Amino acid sequence: MNRIPLEFRFLGGTREIGRIGIAAKTEKTQVLLDYGIMMDHEPGFPMHVPPKELDAIILTHSHLDHSGAIPVFHIGERKPVYGTPLTFDLSQILISDFIHLSSYYLSFEFLELRSMMRSAVHTGYGEPKTVGDINFQLLDAGHIPGSAQVLIETQGKRVLFTGDFNTTETRLLSTANMNYGELDAIIMESTYANEDHPERKALEKEFMEEIMDIVENGGTVLVPAFSVGRSQEIACILAAYHFEYPVTIDGMAREANRIMLNYPDYVKDFRLFQNAVQASNWADGWRDRRLATKKPGVIISPAGMLKGGPAMFYVSKIGKKTHNGVFLVSYQIPGTPGRELMEKGRCVIDGKMRKVKAKVKHFDFSSHCGASELQSVVKSLKGNPTVYVVHGAEGNCEKFAKWVQKETGFNAVAPKAGDVFKV
């Protein structure tokens, strides 16, 4: 019997980080794996897919570069969207915030977001699902709470999309599930294909020592962090080390905490997480914010790259004093205020670019695989899969595809936007 090939069209997130979108198609069925936005000066979208040609969307996790453009498929119609229940709750607050803050014309509004949420098909890890002639299941990705990898089975072929994934255990999450079985193809991220992350326990220890050094001398440490994932992990580290000074959590991280408290199964040690967020102060308005800057302790606040959020207010207060600290714990994209602070020690304070007097340090608490982990994953693959490398900037996709080909003998490709491949 002649099998119809499974076809993949790469719509975005190729040789770049952001706006990931991949269409998987058989003769009868077409599903979309993620459909995100590029958060540059103006939002960038993946290549278009006519909604009438689409049967469903599978969402790996809530970050906007994976979820942010899905409401486009809910203008005037409803397309089923599959993902974990936690992913939908977190996506709702992130996309809602994106619509609210966008000063650009978007082709969708809150109405389409609501329609997307009504179209959600809640899917647990390992739960078999079928759309047309495509069968799939979600596997834990270990990236942020609720994140998933997608294992597709159709036409006798097995293909894995990693989404963003992490094979290193953190205080918040267990590692990605790598029970893939034999694969015909894998589409994998390459965010850190060119560098390794520090060993987690040693990094935590250094982070806590630096915090204690400042706090015990009467200072306050601002930790600008992503609302979803990183803020909660930092709170868990402080709790695990029995940090006894006040911890203040602000911005959208509070709403993310509220949501995650409803999903005990999606964090590694729920009791630690619960203690961490419930023992902290959740800033409620400007009075709380001002108070937090005046006493020794830690403030965890978005935005992680200082592109807005309450963190901007805190930097203006905490950054002026030498006995305070600003500890960056998230990736800093070139061109962001966080990157400027990390590299040049300066930031906009009271409307002017000024030198920050507080101690500035960067701690690489990544939620992605580093180079060695990515290499180990490829070396452990069963079968003879073709490796498609996506979600990497500054040449990482191409570099990693070359490494795969040279070191493992697997066929490897770094697709460009618009490329179509048959499996």
Protein backbone atom coordinates (compact mmCIF):
# COMPACT_ATOMS: atom_id res chain seq x y z
CA MET A 1 0.00 0.00 0.00
CA ASN A 2 1.34 3.44 -0.93
CA ARG A 3 1.56 5.66 2.13
CA ILE A 4 0.76 9.37 1.73
CA PRO A 5 3.72 11.31 3.13
CA LEU A 6 3.40 13.47 6.21
CA GLU A 7 4.37 17.00 5.21
CA PHE A 8 5.80 19.75 7.42
CA ARG A 9 5.75 23.41 6.46
CA PHE A 10 7.86 25.75 8.58
CA LEU A 11 6.02 29.05 9.00
CA GLY A 12 8.19 30.89 11.54
CA GLY A 13 10.75 30.45 14.29
CA THR A 14 13.28 29.24 11.69
CA ARG A 15 16.84 30.57 12.19
CA GLU A 16 15.35 33.00 14.72
CA ILE A 17 13.73 32.97 18.16
CA GLY A 18 10.09 34.02 18.15
CA ARG A 19 6.90 33.53 16.11
CA ILE A 20 7.23 29.76 15.94
CA GLY A 21 4.65 27.98 13.79
CA ILE A 22 4.78 24.61 11.99
CA ALA A 23 2.02 23.06 9.87
CA ALA A 24 1.80 19.25 9.82
CA LYS A 25 -0.28 17.88 6.95
CA THR A 26 -1.50 14.58 5.56
CA GLU A 27 -3.76 14.18 2.55
CA LYS A 28 -6.83 14.50 4.83
CA THR A 29 -5.76 16.57 7.84
CA GLN A 30 -3.75 19.67 8.70
CA VAL A 31 -2.75 20.67 12.24
CA LEU A 32 -0.67 23.58 13.45
CA LEU A 33 2.07 23.17 16.06
CA ASP A 34 2.19 26.51 17.92
CA TYR A 35 1.59 29.91 16.33
CA GLY A 36 3.44 32.65 18.19
CA ILE A 37 4.51 36.23 17.81
CA MET A 38 7.88 37.97 17.53
CA MET A 39 8.12 40.54 20.32
CA ASP A 40 10.21 43.15 18.55
CA HIS A 41 9.29 46.81 18.25
CA GLU A 42 6.16 45.71 16.43
CA PRO A 43 4.72 42.21 16.64
CA GLY A 44 5.85 39.84 13.88
CA PHE A 45 3.69 36.87 12.88
CA PRO A 46 4.44 33.52 11.23
CA MET A 47 3.45 32.88 7.61
CA HIS A 48 -0.29 32.64 7.07
CA VAL A 49 -2.38 29.48 6.92
CA PRO A 50 -5.97 29.91 5.66
CA PRO A 51 -8.18 28.95 8.65
CA LYS A 52 -10.53 26.91 6.42
CA GLU A 53 -7.62 24.57 5.57
CA LEU A 54 -6.87 23.92 9.25
CA ASP A 55 -8.36 21.17 11.43
CA ALA A 56 -6.75 21.97 14.79
CA ILE A 57 -3.92 23.70 16.64
CA ILE A 58 -1.64 22.04 19.20
CA LEU A 59 -0.10 24.47 21.71
CA THR A 60 3.09 23.43 23.53
CA HIS A 61 3.13 26.18 26.18
CA SER A 62 1.93 29.64 27.13
CA HIS A 63 4.90 31.87 26.23
CA LEU A 64 3.88 34.42 23.60
CA ASP A 65 6.45 33.34 21.01
CA HIS A 66 4.49 30.06 20.89
CA SER A 67 0.90 31.10 21.73
CA GLY A 68 0.48 34.78 20.92
CA ALA A 69 -1.01 34.63 17.40
CA ILE A 70 -3.43 31.70 17.86
CA PRO A 71 -6.49 34.02 18.27
CA VAL A 72 -6.06 34.84 14.54
CA PHE A 73 -7.74 31.47 13.85
CA HIS A 74 -10.77 32.44 15.94
CA ILE A 75 -11.98 35.40 13.90
CA GLY A 76 -15.44 34.34 12.83
CA GLU A 77 -14.87 30.64 13.46
CA ARG A 78 -13.64 28.27 16.14
CA LYS A 79 -10.72 25.91 15.67
CA PRO A 80 -10.02 23.33 18.39
CA VAL A 81 -6.79 24.09 20.30
CA TYR A 82 -5.15 21.24 22.24
CA GLY A 83 -2.90 21.86 25.23
CA THR A 84 -2.60 21.25 28.96
CA PRO A 85 -5.25 22.98 31.13
CA LEU A 86 -2.54 25.04 32.87
CA THR A 87 -1.17 26.22 29.51
CA PHE A 88 -4.58 27.67 28.61
CA ASP A 89 -4.98 29.52 31.91
CA LEU A 90 -1.49 31.02 31.61
CA SER A 91 -1.92 31.81 27.89
CA GLN A 92 -5.08 33.73 28.69
CA ILE A 93 -3.26 36.17 31.01
CA LEU A 94 -0.22 36.53 28.71
CA ILE A 95 -2.19 37.08 25.47
CA SER A 96 -4.66 39.36 27.26
CA ASP A 97 -1.76 41.49 28.51
CA PHE A 98 -0.24 41.52 25.01
CA ILE A 99 -3.52 42.77 23.46
CA HIS A 100 -3.93 45.33 26.24
CA LEU A 101 -0.39 46.74 25.86
CA SER A 102 -0.12 46.55 22.07
CA SER A 103 0.05 49.99 20.53
CA TYR A 104 -0.09 48.39 17.04
CA TYR A 105 -3.15 47.35 15.13
CA LEU A 106 -3.73 43.65 15.71
CA SER A 107 -6.01 41.52 13.57
CA PHE A 108 -7.60 40.09 16.74
CA GLU A 109 -9.02 41.41 20.00
CA PHE A 110 -10.29 40.12 23.36
CA LEU A 111 -13.32 38.60 21.60
CA GLU A 112 -11.07 36.27 19.57
CA LEU A 113 -9.07 35.39 22.68
CA ARG A 114 -12.32 34.41 24.40
CA SER A 115 -13.26 32.28 21.40
CA MET A 116 -9.82 30.62 21.54
CA MET A 117 -10.39 29.77 25.22
CA ARG A 118 -13.82 28.33 24.43
CA SER A 119 -12.17 26.16 21.75
CA ALA A 120 -9.61 24.72 24.22
CA VAL A 121 -9.39 20.94 24.40
CA HIS A 122 -7.73 20.20 27.75
CA THR A 123 -5.17 17.45 27.24
CA GLY A 124 -3.12 15.72 29.93
CA TYR A 125 0.39 14.32 29.44
CA GLY A 126 0.33 10.92 27.72
CA GLU A 127 -3.37 11.21 26.80
CA PRO A 128 -3.94 9.89 23.24
CA LYS A 129 -5.74 12.36 20.95
CA THR A 130 -6.87 12.10 17.32
CA VAL A 131 -7.57 14.79 14.72
CA GLY A 132 -8.57 13.29 11.35
CA ASP A 133 -5.88 10.72 10.55
CA ILE A 134 -3.29 12.30 12.89
CA ASN A 135 -2.81 10.75 16.34
CA PHE A 136 -0.76 12.59 18.94
CA GLN A 137 0.06 12.87 22.62
CA LEU A 138 1.69 15.51 24.81
CA LEU A 139 4.83 14.73 26.84
CA ASP A 140 6.15 16.85 29.71
CA ALA A 141 8.73 19.36 28.37
CA GLY A 142 10.20 20.48 31.73
CA HIS A 143 10.37 24.08 30.41
CA ILE A 144 7.68 25.95 32.37
CA PRO A 145 4.67 24.59 34.31
CA GLY A 146 2.25 22.96 31.86
CA SER A 147 4.71 22.91 28.93
CA ALA A 148 4.61 19.97 26.51
CA GLN A 149 6.35 18.27 23.63
CA VAL A 150 4.16 16.84 20.86
CA LEU A 151 4.56 13.26 19.60
CA ILE A 152 2.69 12.75 16.32
CA GLU A 153 1.87 9.34 14.83
CA THR A 154 0.32 9.02 11.39
CA GLN A 155 0.85 7.04 8.17
CA GLY A 156 3.14 4.70 10.11
CA LYS A 157 5.46 7.64 10.91
CA ARG A 158 6.44 9.00 14.33
CA VAL A 159 7.56 12.63 14.63
CA LEU A 160 8.40 14.61 17.77
CA PHE A 161 8.25 18.39 18.19
CA THR A 162 10.17 19.36 21.34
CA GLY A 163 8.79 22.91 21.62
CA ASP A 164 10.97 24.56 24.28
CA PHE A 165 12.30 21.86 26.58
CA ASN A 166 14.70 21.30 29.46
CA THR A 167 16.34 18.04 30.54
CA THR A 168 17.78 19.58 33.74
CA GLU A 169 15.76 19.36 36.95
CA THR A 170 15.01 22.67 38.68
CA ARG A 171 13.43 23.59 42.04
CA LEU A 172 10.15 24.08 40.21
CA LEU A 173 10.06 21.30 37.61
CA SER A 174 11.15 17.77 36.83
CA THR A 175 13.04 17.07 33.59
CA ALA A 176 11.50 16.63 30.14
CA ASN A 177 10.06 13.18 29.39
CA MET A 178 12.36 11.61 26.79
CA ASN A 179 10.54 8.29 26.28
CA TYR A 180 10.11 8.95 22.57
CA GLY A 181 10.55 5.44 21.18
CA GLU A 182 11.72 5.14 17.57
CA LEU A 183 11.34 8.36 15.57
CA ASP A 184 11.28 9.14 11.86
CA ALA A 185 11.86 12.85 12.48
CA ILE A 186 12.38 15.31 15.34
CA ILE A 187 11.83 19.07 15.20
CA MET A 188 13.89 20.56 18.01
CA GLU A 189 14.79 23.91 19.49
CA SER A 190 18.40 25.18 19.51
CA THR A 191 18.17 28.30 21.70
CA TYR A 192 21.43 27.48 23.52
CA ALA A 193 23.14 25.26 20.93
CA ASN A 194 26.31 27.32 21.36
CA GLU A 195 26.65 27.41 25.17
CA ASP A 196 26.24 25.41 28.34
CA HIS A 197 24.47 26.53 31.49
CA PRO A 198 26.19 26.44 34.89
CA GLU A 199 25.45 23.50 37.17
CA ARG A 200 22.13 24.29 38.87
CA LYS A 201 22.99 23.60 42.51
CA ALA A 202 26.24 25.62 42.32
CA LEU A 203 24.37 28.48 40.62
CA GLU A 204 21.67 28.49 43.34
CA LYS A 205 24.34 28.53 46.05
CA GLU A 206 26.16 31.49 44.45
CA PHE A 207 22.85 33.33 43.94
CA MET A 208 21.89 32.89 47.62
CA GLU A 209 25.35 33.91 48.88
CA GLU A 210 25.21 37.11 46.82
CA ILE A 211 21.70 37.87 48.08
CA MET A 212 22.65 37.29 51.73
CA ASP A 213 25.71 39.49 51.30
CA ILE A 214 23.50 42.43 50.28
CA VAL A 215 20.52 41.82 52.56
CA GLU A 216 22.60 41.30 55.70
CA ASN A 217 24.19 44.69 55.05
CA GLY A 218 20.76 46.37 54.95
CA GLY A 219 20.26 46.28 51.17
CA THR A 220 17.39 45.23 48.94
CA VAL A 221 17.77 42.95 45.91
CA LEU A 222 15.54 43.39 42.87
CA VAL A 223 15.17 40.23 40.77
CA PRO A 224 13.53 41.16 37.45
CA ALA A 225 11.98 37.87 36.26
CA PHE A 226 9.54 36.49 33.71
CA SER A 227 6.02 36.26 35.17
CA VAL A 228 5.54 32.62 34.23
CA GLY A 229 8.11 30.09 35.39
CA ARG A 230 11.15 32.11 36.42
CA SER A 231 9.43 34.18 39.13
CA GLN A 232 8.09 31.00 40.76
CA GLU A 233 11.43 29.20 40.52
CA ILE A 234 13.25 32.09 42.26
CA ALA A 235 10.62 32.08 45.03
CA CYS A 236 11.14 28.31 45.43
CA ILE A 237 14.93 28.71 45.67
CA LEU A 238 14.55 31.35 48.41
CA ALA A 239 12.15 29.05 50.30
CA ALA A 240 14.40 26.00 49.88
CA TYR A 241 17.29 27.96 51.43
CA HIS A 242 15.02 29.12 54.31
CA PHE A 243 15.51 32.80 53.42
CA GLU A 244 14.09 34.70 56.41
CA TYR A 245 13.89 38.25 55.07
CA PRO A 246 10.76 39.59 53.32
CA VAL A 247 10.13 38.44 49.75
CA THR A 248 7.84 40.64 47.65
CA ILE A 249 6.25 39.38 44.42
CA ASP A 250 4.75 41.89 42.00
CA GLY A 251 3.21 42.32 38.56
CA MET A 252 1.72 39.54 36.52
CA ALA A 253 3.76 36.99 38.51
CA ARG A 254 1.04 37.32 41.19
CA GLU A 255 -1.68 36.24 38.76
CA ALA A 256 0.54 33.39 37.48
CA ASN A 257 1.05 32.24 41.11
CA ARG A 258 -2.71 32.27 41.68
CA ILE A 259 -3.27 30.09 38.62
CA MET A 260 -0.45 27.63 39.39
CA LEU A 261 -1.73 27.09 42.94
CA ASN A 262 -4.75 25.40 41.28
CA TYR A 263 -2.54 22.86 39.48
CA PRO A 264 -0.48 20.90 42.01
CA ASP A 265 0.33 18.15 39.50
CA TYR A 266 2.30 20.48 37.23
CA VAL A 267 5.06 21.46 39.68
CA LYS A 268 7.68 19.12 41.11
CA ASP A 269 7.34 19.88 44.83
CA PHE A 270 3.94 21.47 45.38
CA ARG A 271 4.44 21.95 49.11
CA LEU A 272 7.67 23.93 48.52
CA PHE A 273 5.94 26.01 45.83
CA GLN A 274 2.91 26.65 48.02
CA ASN A 275 5.06 27.70 50.99
CA ALA A 276 7.23 29.90 48.76
CA VAL A 277 4.42 31.93 47.22
CA GLN A 278 2.12 32.03 50.25
CA ALA A 279 4.88 33.21 52.60
CA SER A 280 5.80 36.07 50.27
CA ASN A 281 4.15 39.51 50.18
CA TRP A 282 2.14 40.13 47.03
CA ALA A 283 2.52 43.84 46.29
CA ASP A 284 -0.87 45.47 45.98
CA GLY A 285 -0.40 49.02 44.77
CA TRP A 286 2.17 51.78 45.13
CA ARG A 287 2.25 51.91 48.91
CA ASP A 288 3.39 48.25 49.06
CA ARG A 289 5.95 48.91 46.33
CA ARG A 290 7.51 51.86 48.12
CA LEU A 291 7.64 49.94 51.39
CA ALA A 292 9.35 46.98 49.71
CA THR A 293 12.20 49.21 48.47
CA LYS A 294 12.85 50.57 51.97
CA LYS A 295 13.61 47.36 53.85
CA PRO A 296 16.18 44.59 53.43
CA GLY A 297 14.72 41.75 51.37
CA VAL A 298 14.11 40.48 47.84
CA ILE A 299 11.65 41.82 45.26
CA ILE A 300 10.70 39.48 42.39
CA SER A 301 9.03 41.41 39.60
CA PRO A 302 8.40 41.33 35.85
CA ALA A 303 9.44 42.33 33.28
CA GLY A 304 12.40 39.95 33.16
CA MET A 305 14.21 42.11 30.58
CA LEU A 306 13.10 45.41 32.19
CA LYS A 307 10.90 46.22 29.19
CA GLY A 308 8.09 47.48 31.44
CA GLY A 309 6.10 46.25 34.40
CA PRO A 310 6.71 47.24 38.05
CA ALA A 311 10.41 46.25 37.69
CA MET A 312 10.99 49.65 36.03
CA PHE A 313 9.75 51.45 39.16
CA TYR A 314 11.89 49.26 41.42
CA VAL A 315 15.05 49.85 39.34
CA SER A 316 14.56 53.60 39.67
CA LYS A 317 14.52 53.28 43.47
CA ILE A 318 16.88 50.37 44.14
CA GLY A 319 19.37 51.22 41.39
CA LYS A 320 20.35 54.54 43.00
CA LYS A 321 22.00 53.02 46.10
CA THR A 322 25.30 51.16 46.22
CA HIS A 323 24.28 48.76 49.01
CA ASN A 324 21.38 47.34 46.91
CA GLY A 325 21.48 44.76 44.10
CA VAL A 326 19.79 44.11 40.76
CA PHE A 327 20.14 40.41 39.87
CA LEU A 328 19.07 39.46 36.36
CA VAL A 329 17.93 35.84 36.14
CA SER A 330 16.35 35.72 32.67
CA TYR A 331 17.80 35.72 29.17
CA GLN A 332 18.41 39.30 28.02
CA ILE A 333 17.66 39.82 24.32
CA PRO A 334 20.05 42.26 22.58
CA GLY A 335 18.50 45.73 22.45
CA THR A 336 16.45 45.32 25.64
CA PRO A 337 16.97 47.52 28.74
CA GLY A 338 18.04 44.38 30.64
CA ARG A 339 20.82 43.67 28.14
CA GLU A 340 21.96 47.31 28.36
CA LEU A 341 22.08 47.03 32.16
CA MET A 342 23.93 43.70 32.04
CA GLU A 343 26.58 44.88 29.56
CA LYS A 344 26.96 48.58 30.36
CA GLY A 345 25.63 48.90 33.92
CA ARG A 346 23.18 51.61 32.99
CA CYS A 347 19.43 52.00 32.73
CA VAL A 348 16.74 54.64 32.25
CA ILE A 349 16.01 56.11 35.70
CA ASP A 350 13.65 59.09 36.08
CA GLY A 351 13.54 59.51 32.30
CA LYS A 352 17.33 59.67 31.83
CA MET A 353 19.94 57.02 30.99
CA ARG A 354 21.97 56.72 34.21
CA LYS A 355 24.65 54.53 35.70
CA VAL A 356 23.09 52.05 38.14
CA LYS A 357 24.89 52.27 41.50
CA ALA A 358 23.47 49.02 42.87
CA LYS A 359 25.42 45.79 42.32
CA VAL A 360 24.36 44.26 38.97
CA LYS A 361 24.82 40.54 38.31
CA HIS A 362 23.46 38.02 35.82
CA PHE A 363 22.61 34.46 36.87
CA ASP A 364 21.88 31.98 34.08
CA PHE A 365 18.76 30.23 35.43
CA SER A 366 17.69 28.89 32.05
CA SER A 367 14.57 26.85 31.34
CA HIS A 368 16.05 25.52 28.06
CA CYS A 369 18.54 22.73 27.36
CA GLY A 370 22.15 23.91 27.08
CA ALA A 371 24.46 22.70 24.28
CA SER A 372 25.56 19.50 26.07
CA GLU A 373 21.94 18.54 26.87
CA LEU A 374 20.82 19.13 23.27
CA GLN A 375 23.71 16.96 22.06
CA SER A 376 22.84 14.19 24.57
CA VAL A 377 19.21 14.21 23.44
CA VAL A 378 20.22 13.71 19.80
CA LYS A 379 22.72 10.96 20.70
CA SER A 380 20.02 9.11 22.65
CA LEU A 381 17.47 9.10 19.79
CA LYS A 382 16.22 5.74 18.56
CA GLY A 383 15.53 4.95 14.93
CA ASN A 384 17.08 6.98 12.12
CA PRO A 385 15.31 10.32 12.44
CA THR A 386 15.85 13.40 10.31
CA VAL A 387 16.59 16.30 12.68
CA TYR A 388 14.96 19.66 11.87
CA VAL A 389 16.55 22.45 13.92
CA VAL A 390 14.44 25.54 14.76
CA HIS A 391 14.12 28.26 17.46
CA GLY A 392 17.72 29.48 17.44
CA ALA A 393 19.20 32.90 16.73
CA GLU A 394 22.62 34.09 15.54
CA GLY A 395 23.39 31.01 13.47
CA ASN A 396 22.55 28.43 16.15
CA CYS A 397 20.11 26.45 13.98
CA GLU A 398 22.68 26.03 11.21
CA LYS A 399 25.53 25.29 13.66
CA PHE A 400 23.57 22.65 15.51
CA ALA A 401 22.33 20.98 12.28
CA LYS A 402 25.98 20.73 11.14
CA TRP A 403 26.99 19.24 14.50
CA VAL A 404 24.20 16.64 14.30
CA GLN A 405 25.17 15.60 10.78
CA LYS A 406 28.90 15.39 11.60
CA GLU A 407 28.71 13.73 15.03
CA THR A 408 25.72 11.38 14.72
CA GLY A 409 25.30 10.75 11.00
CA PHE A 410 21.60 11.65 11.19
CA ASN A 411 20.35 13.79 8.34
CA ALA A 412 19.89 17.32 9.78
CA VAL A 413 18.38 20.50 8.36
CA ALA A 414 17.99 24.10 9.55
CA PRO A 415 14.82 25.03 7.60
CA LYS A 416 14.02 28.52 6.34
CA ALA A 417 10.55 30.07 6.64
CA GLY A 418 8.32 28.59 3.93
CA ASP A 419 10.34 25.38 3.53
CA VAL A 420 8.30 22.18 3.12
CA PHE A 421 9.64 18.72 3.98
CA LYS A 422 8.10 15.29 3.58
CA VAL A 423 8.62 12.55 6.16
